[in-house]
Amino acid sequence: MTSTTGTLEGQTQLTALDRCDRCGAQAYVRAELASGGALLFCNHHGRAVEGTLRPKTLNWIDESDRIS
């Protein structure tokens, strides 16, 4: 299930070229920060930081449902 907060105007789907900022694996989560900028995470690291980071985001885009 794709989970988001905020609006997605102008957003594009994450691709295989989008990499996790922590480990370099394929990114399935994009955290768009209220302070500006965005962070990309693999599913593992996205889950690890979601509790602390998500309240600080404008958009939390979770495309982990695409994992086969």
PDB file of N, CA and C in Angstrom:
ATOM      1  N   MET A   1       0.837  -1.173   0.000  1.00  0.00           N
ATOM      2  CA  MET A   1       0.000   0.000   0.000  1.00  0.00           C
ATOM      3  C   MET A   1       0.886   1.242   0.000  1.00  0.00           C
ATOM      4  N   THR A   2       0.603   2.171  -0.878  1.00  0.00           N
ATOM      5  CA  THR A   2       1.336   3.424  -0.908  1.00  0.00           C
ATOM      6  C   THR A   2       0.742   4.348   0.140  1.00  0.00           C
ATOM      7  N   SER A   3       1.585   4.846   1.018  1.00  0.00           N
ATOM      8  CA  SER A   3       1.137   5.699   2.103  1.00  0.00           C
ATOM      9  C   SER A   3       1.775   7.071   1.937  1.00  0.00           C
ATOM     10  N   THR A   4       0.965   8.109   2.020  1.00  0.00           N
ATOM     11  CA  THR A   4       1.490   9.457   1.876  1.00  0.00           C
ATOM     12  C   THR A   4       0.843  10.390   2.882  1.00  0.00           C
ATOM     13  N   THR A   5       1.511  11.493   3.114  1.00  0.00           N
ATOM     14  CA  THR A   5       0.918  12.596   3.849  1.00  0.00           C
ATOM     15  C   THR A   5       1.158  13.831   3.004  1.00  0.00           C
ATOM     16  N   GLY A   6       0.342  14.851   3.149  1.00  0.00           N
ATOM     17  CA  GLY A   6       0.506  16.058   2.358  1.00  0.00           C
ATOM     18  C   GLY A   6       0.009  15.853   0.939  1.00  0.00           C
ATOM     19  N   THR A   7       0.460  16.718   0.033  1.00  0.00           N
ATOM     20  CA  THR A   7       0.040  16.625  -1.356  1.00  0.00           C
ATOM     21  C   THR A   7       1.154  16.062  -2.205  1.00  0.00           C
ATOM     22  N   LEU A   8       0.801  15.519  -3.334  1.00  0.00           N
ATOM     23  CA  LEU A   8       1.787  14.906  -4.215  1.00  0.00           C
ATOM     24  C   LEU A   8       1.874  15.616  -5.557  1.00  0.00           C
ATOM     25  N   GLU A   9       1.463  16.859  -5.621  1.00  0.00           N
ATOM     26  CA  GLU A   9       1.508  17.584  -6.879  1.00  0.00           C
ATOM     27  C   GLU A   9       2.940  17.634  -7.389  1.00  0.00           C
ATOM     28  N   GLY A  10       3.130  17.221  -8.641  1.00  0.00           N
ATOM     29  CA  GLY A  10       4.443  17.266  -9.252  1.00  0.00           C
ATOM     30  C   GLY A  10       5.350  16.111  -8.858  1.00  0.00           C
ATOM     31  N   GLN A  11       4.845  15.191  -8.064  1.00  0.00           N
ATOM     32  CA  GLN A  11       5.672  14.073  -7.623  1.00  0.00           C
ATOM     33  C   GLN A  11       5.753  13.010  -8.702  1.00  0.00           C
ATOM     34  N   THR A  12       6.882  12.347  -8.746  1.00  0.00           N
ATOM     35  CA  THR A  12       7.056  11.215  -9.647  1.00  0.00           C
ATOM     36  C   THR A  12       7.343   9.981  -8.813  1.00  0.00           C
ATOM     37  N   GLN A  13       7.098   8.848  -9.382  1.00  0.00           N
ATOM     38  CA  GLN A  13       7.346   7.588  -8.700  1.00  0.00           C
ATOM     39  C   GLN A  13       8.850   7.366  -8.547  1.00  0.00           C
ATOM     40  N   LEU A  14       9.241   6.764  -7.446  1.00  0.00           N
ATOM     41  CA  LEU A  14      10.639   6.419  -7.250  1.00  0.00           C
ATOM     42  C   LEU A  14      11.029   5.364  -8.285  1.00  0.00           C
ATOM     43  N   THR A  15      12.265   5.418  -8.745  1.00  0.00           N
ATOM     44  CA  THR A  15      12.743   4.476  -9.755  1.00  0.00           C
ATOM     45  C   THR A  15      13.890   3.650  -9.190  1.00  0.00           C
ATOM     46  N   ALA A  16      14.354   2.694  -9.970  1.00  0.00           N
ATOM     47  CA  ALA A  16      15.482   1.856  -9.564  1.00  0.00           C
ATOM     48  C   ALA A  16      16.763   2.680  -9.415  1.00  0.00           C
ATOM     49  N   LEU A  17      16.792   3.864  -9.986  1.00  0.00           N
ATOM     50  CA  LEU A  17      17.969   4.733  -9.866  1.00  0.00           C
ATOM     51  C   LEU A  17      17.992   5.505  -8.552  1.00  0.00           C
ATOM     52  N   ASP A  18      16.853   5.585  -7.864  1.00  0.00           N
ATOM     53  CA  ASP A  18      16.783   6.268  -6.570  1.00  0.00           C
ATOM     54  C   ASP A  18      17.358   5.340  -5.509  1.00  0.00           C
ATOM     55  N   ARG A  19      18.341   5.830  -4.760  1.00  0.00           N
ATOM     56  CA  ARG A  19      19.067   4.995  -3.809  1.00  0.00           C
ATOM     57  C   ARG A  19      18.892   5.507  -2.379  1.00  0.00           C
ATOM     58  N   CYS A  20      18.927   4.579  -1.440  1.00  0.00           N
ATOM     59  CA  CYS A  20      18.827   4.882  -0.013  1.00  0.00           C
ATOM     60  C   CYS A  20      20.012   5.755   0.417  1.00  0.00           C
ATOM     61  N   ASP A  21      19.719   6.823   1.142  1.00  0.00           N
ATOM     62  CA  ASP A  21      20.771   7.707   1.634  1.00  0.00           C
ATOM     63  C   ASP A  21      21.607   7.066   2.737  1.00  0.00           C
ATOM     64  N   ARG A  22      21.140   5.993   3.321  1.00  0.00           N
ATOM     65  CA  ARG A  22      21.884   5.304   4.378  1.00  0.00           C
ATOM     66  C   ARG A  22      22.792   4.210   3.846  1.00  0.00           C
ATOM     67  N   CYS A  23      22.273   3.366   2.930  1.00  0.00           N
ATOM     68  CA  CYS A  23      23.051   2.183   2.547  1.00  0.00           C
ATOM     69  C   CYS A  23      23.232   1.994   1.040  1.00  0.00           C
ATOM     70  N   GLY A  24      22.562   2.783   0.225  1.00  0.00           N
ATOM     71  CA  GLY A  24      22.724   2.683  -1.212  1.00  0.00           C
ATOM     72  C   GLY A  24      21.812   1.672  -1.891  1.00  0.00           C
ATOM     73  N   ALA A  25      20.969   0.969  -1.144  1.00  0.00           N
ATOM     74  CA  ALA A  25      20.005   0.038  -1.749  1.00  0.00           C
ATOM     75  C   ALA A  25      18.908   0.838  -2.457  1.00  0.00           C
ATOM     76  N   GLN A  26      18.075   0.159  -3.227  1.00  0.00           N
ATOM     77  CA  GLN A  26      16.994   0.850  -3.933  1.00  0.00           C
ATOM     78  C   GLN A  26      16.064   1.516  -2.927  1.00  0.00           C
ATOM     79  N   ALA A  27      15.708   2.760  -3.198  1.00  0.00           N
ATOM     80  CA  ALA A  27      14.836   3.518  -2.305  1.00  0.00           C
ATOM     81  C   ALA A  27      13.369   3.234  -2.607  1.00  0.00           C
ATOM     82  N   TYR A  28      12.607   3.048  -1.543  1.00  0.00           N
ATOM     83  CA  TYR A  28      11.165   2.873  -1.648  1.00  0.00           C
ATOM     84  C   TYR A  28      10.413   3.893  -0.803  1.00  0.00           C
ATOM     85  N   VAL A  29      11.135   4.699  -0.044  1.00  0.00           N
ATOM     86  CA  VAL A  29      10.526   5.707   0.819  1.00  0.00           C
ATOM     87  C   VAL A  29      11.209   7.044   0.556  1.00  0.00           C
ATOM     88  N   ARG A  30      10.380   8.092   0.348  1.00  0.00           N
ATOM     89  CA  ARG A  30      10.910   9.454   0.210  1.00  0.00           C
ATOM     90  C   ARG A  30      10.311  10.282   1.331  1.00  0.00           C
ATOM     91  N   ALA A  31      11.174  10.919   2.107  1.00  0.00           N
ATOM     92  CA  ALA A  31      10.750  11.803   3.182  1.00  0.00           C
ATOM     93  C   ALA A  31      11.062  13.230   2.753  1.00  0.00           C
ATOM     94  N   GLU A  32      10.018  14.011   2.490  1.00  0.00           N
ATOM     95  CA  GLU A  32      10.197  15.409   2.096  1.00  0.00           C
ATOM     96  C   GLU A  32      10.082  16.260   3.354  1.00  0.00           C
ATOM     97  N   LEU A  33      11.190  16.847   3.738  1.00  0.00           N
ATOM     98  CA  LEU A  33      11.298  17.534   5.014  1.00  0.00           C
ATOM     99  C   LEU A  33      10.642  18.907   5.002  1.00  0.00           C
ATOM    100  N   ALA A  34      10.035  19.262   6.121  1.00  0.00           N
ATOM    101  CA  ALA A  34       9.421  20.578   6.270  1.00  0.00           C
ATOM    102  C   ALA A  34      10.470  21.680   6.179  1.00  0.00           C
ATOM    103  N   SER A  35      11.694  21.371   6.564  1.00  0.00           N
ATOM    104  CA  SER A  35      12.779  22.354   6.526  1.00  0.00           C
ATOM    105  C   SER A  35      13.393  22.493   5.136  1.00  0.00           C
ATOM    106  N   GLY A  36      12.916  21.675   4.196  1.00  0.00           N
ATOM    107  CA  GLY A  36      13.435  21.700   2.828  1.00  0.00           C
ATOM    108  C   GLY A  36      14.266  20.463   2.547  1.00  0.00           C
ATOM    109  N   GLY A  37      14.298  20.058   1.300  1.00  0.00           N
ATOM    110  CA  GLY A  37      15.060  18.877   0.926  1.00  0.00           C
ATOM    111  C   GLY A  37      14.264  17.600   1.102  1.00  0.00           C
ATOM    112  N   ALA A  38      14.872  16.515   0.693  1.00  0.00           N
ATOM    113  CA  ALA A  38      14.234  15.209   0.787  1.00  0.00           C
ATOM    114  C   ALA A  38      15.291  14.154   1.082  1.00  0.00           C
ATOM    115  N   LEU A  39      14.868  13.122   1.768  1.00  0.00           N
ATOM    116  CA  LEU A  39      15.728  11.981   2.060  1.00  0.00           C
ATOM    117  C   LEU A  39      15.096  10.745   1.451  1.00  0.00           C
ATOM    118  N   LEU A  40      15.930   9.851   0.936  1.00  0.00           N
ATOM    119  CA  LEU A  40      15.453   8.606   0.352  1.00  0.00           C
ATOM    120  C   LEU A  40      15.937   7.450   1.208  1.00  0.00           C
ATOM    121  N   PHE A  41      15.062   6.437   1.383  1.00  0.00           N
ATOM    122  CA  PHE A  41      15.406   5.285   2.203  1.00  0.00           C
ATOM    123  C   PHE A  41      14.930   4.004   1.553  1.00  0.00           C
ATOM    124  N   CYS A  42      15.695   2.929   1.763  1.00  0.00           N
ATOM    125  CA  CYS A  42      15.211   1.596   1.424  1.00  0.00           C
ATOM    126  C   CYS A  42      14.091   1.278   2.428  1.00  0.00           C
ATOM    127  N   ASN A  43      13.388   0.188   2.211  1.00  0.00           N
ATOM    128  CA  ASN A  43      12.297  -0.167   3.111  1.00  0.00           C
ATOM    129  C   ASN A  43      12.803  -0.359   4.545  1.00  0.00           C
ATOM    130  N   HIS A  44      13.922  -1.042   4.697  1.00  0.00           N
ATOM    131  CA  HIS A  44      14.471  -1.315   6.032  1.00  0.00           C
ATOM    132  C   HIS A  44      14.769  -0.015   6.784  1.00  0.00           C
ATOM    133  N   HIS A  45      15.518   0.878   6.181  1.00  0.00           N
ATOM    134  CA  HIS A  45      15.875   2.119   6.868  1.00  0.00           C
ATOM    135  C   HIS A  45      14.691   3.079   6.980  1.00  0.00           C
ATOM    136  N   GLY A  46      13.773   3.033   6.029  1.00  0.00           N
ATOM    137  CA  GLY A  46      12.553   3.840   6.139  1.00  0.00           C
ATOM    138  C   GLY A  46      11.764   3.471   7.380  1.00  0.00           C
ATOM    139  N   ARG A  47      11.626   2.171   7.647  1.00  0.00           N
ATOM    140  CA  ARG A  47      10.918   1.708   8.855  1.00  0.00           C
ATOM    141  C   ARG A  47      11.688   2.107  10.114  1.00  0.00           C
ATOM    142  N   ALA A  48      13.015   2.052  10.038  1.00  0.00           N
ATOM    143  CA  ALA A  48      13.839   2.352  11.205  1.00  0.00           C
ATOM    144  C   ALA A  48      13.717   3.811  11.651  1.00  0.00           C
ATOM    145  N   VAL A  49      13.538   4.742  10.700  1.00  0.00           N
ATOM    146  CA  VAL A  49      13.497   6.170  11.051  1.00  0.00           C
ATOM    147  C   VAL A  49      12.086   6.753  11.031  1.00  0.00           C
ATOM    148  N   GLU A  50      11.101   5.977  10.603  1.00  0.00           N
ATOM    149  CA  GLU A  50       9.752   6.523  10.415  1.00  0.00           C
ATOM    150  C   GLU A  50       9.194   7.176  11.679  1.00  0.00           C
ATOM    151  N   GLY A  51       9.325   6.551  12.806  1.00  0.00           N
ATOM    152  CA  GLY A  51       8.747   7.089  14.042  1.00  0.00           C
ATOM    153  C   GLY A  51       9.276   8.454  14.431  1.00  0.00           C
ATOM    154  N   THR A  52      10.558   8.693  14.211  1.00  0.00           N
ATOM    155  CA  THR A  52      11.145   9.980  14.597  1.00  0.00           C
ATOM    156  C   THR A  52      11.141  11.001  13.461  1.00  0.00           C
ATOM    157  N   LEU A  53      11.270  10.523  12.234  1.00  0.00           N
ATOM    158  CA  LEU A  53      11.392  11.449  11.109  1.00  0.00           C
ATOM    159  C   LEU A  53      10.044  11.880  10.522  1.00  0.00           C
ATOM    160  N   ARG A  54       9.084  10.990  10.478  1.00  0.00           N
ATOM    161  CA  ARG A  54       7.810  11.294   9.798  1.00  0.00           C
ATOM    162  C   ARG A  54       7.114  12.548  10.332  1.00  0.00           C
ATOM    163  N   PRO A  55       7.105  12.802  11.648  1.00  0.00           N
ATOM    164  CA  PRO A  55       6.462  14.034  12.138  1.00  0.00           C
ATOM    165  C   PRO A  55       7.133  15.321  11.634  1.00  0.00           C
ATOM    166  N   LYS A  56       8.352  15.217  11.119  1.00  0.00           N
ATOM    167  CA  LYS A  56       9.101  16.387  10.641  1.00  0.00           C
ATOM    168  C   LYS A  56       8.990  16.570   9.131  1.00  0.00           C
ATOM    169  N   THR A  57       8.136  15.773   8.481  1.00  0.00           N
ATOM    170  CA  THR A  57       8.035  15.825   7.025  1.00  0.00           C
ATOM    171  C   THR A  57       6.755  16.493   6.564  1.00  0.00           C
ATOM    172  N   LEU A  58       6.823  17.039   5.353  1.00  0.00           N
ATOM    173  CA  LEU A  58       5.623  17.521   4.680  1.00  0.00           C
ATOM    174  C   LEU A  58       4.944  16.361   3.961  1.00  0.00           C
ATOM    175  N   ASN A  59       5.750  15.480   3.385  1.00  0.00           N
ATOM    176  CA  ASN A  59       5.254  14.305   2.666  1.00  0.00           C
ATOM    177  C   ASN A  59       6.088  13.100   3.045  1.00  0.00           C
ATOM    178  N   TRP A  60       5.418  12.006   3.290  1.00  0.00           N
ATOM    179  CA  TRP A  60       6.080  10.716   3.524  1.00  0.00           C
ATOM    180  C   TRP A  60       5.537   9.795   2.449  1.00  0.00           C
ATOM    181  N   ILE A  61       6.345   9.481   1.474  1.00  0.00           N
ATOM    182  CA  ILE A  61       5.916   8.686   0.325  1.00  0.00           C
ATOM    183  C   ILE A  61       6.509   7.293   0.472  1.00  0.00           C
ATOM    184  N   ASP A  62       5.640   6.322   0.651  1.00  0.00           N
ATOM    185  CA  ASP A  62       6.040   4.939   0.885  1.00  0.00           C
ATOM    186  C   ASP A  62       5.575   4.080  -0.281  1.00  0.00           C
ATOM    187  N   GLU A  63       6.511   3.601  -1.083  1.00  0.00           N
ATOM    188  CA  GLU A  63       6.202   2.765  -2.226  1.00  0.00           C
ATOM    189  C   GLU A  63       6.680   1.337  -2.000  1.00  0.00           C
ATOM    190  N   SER A  64       6.771   0.922  -0.748  1.00  0.00           N
ATOM    191  CA  SER A  64       7.267  -0.413  -0.429  1.00  0.00           C
ATOM    192  C   SER A  64       6.333  -1.512  -0.915  1.00  0.00           C
ATOM    193  N   ASP A  65       5.125  -1.169  -1.290  1.00  0.00           N
ATOM    194  CA  ASP A  65       4.203  -2.174  -1.830  1.00  0.00           C
ATOM    195  C   ASP A  65       4.683  -2.690  -3.189  1.00  0.00           C
ATOM    196  N   ARG A  66       5.626  -2.004  -3.804  1.00  0.00           N
ATOM    197  CA  ARG A  66       6.168  -2.437  -5.105  1.00  0.00           C
ATOM    198  C   ARG A  66       7.228  -3.526  -4.965  1.00  0.00           C
ATOM    199  N   ILE A  67       7.649  -3.816  -3.735  1.00  0.00           N
ATOM    200  CA  ILE A  67       8.652  -4.857  -3.513  1.00  0.00           C
ATOM    201  C   ILE A  67       8.008  -6.198  -3.809  1.00  0.00           C
ATOM    202  N   SER A  68       8.685  -6.982  -4.668  1.00  0.00           N
ATOM    203  CA  SER A  68       8.100  -8.290  -5.015  1.00  0.00           C
ATOM    204  C   SER A  68       8.781  -9.424  -4.292  1.00  0.00           C
TER     205      SER A  68
END
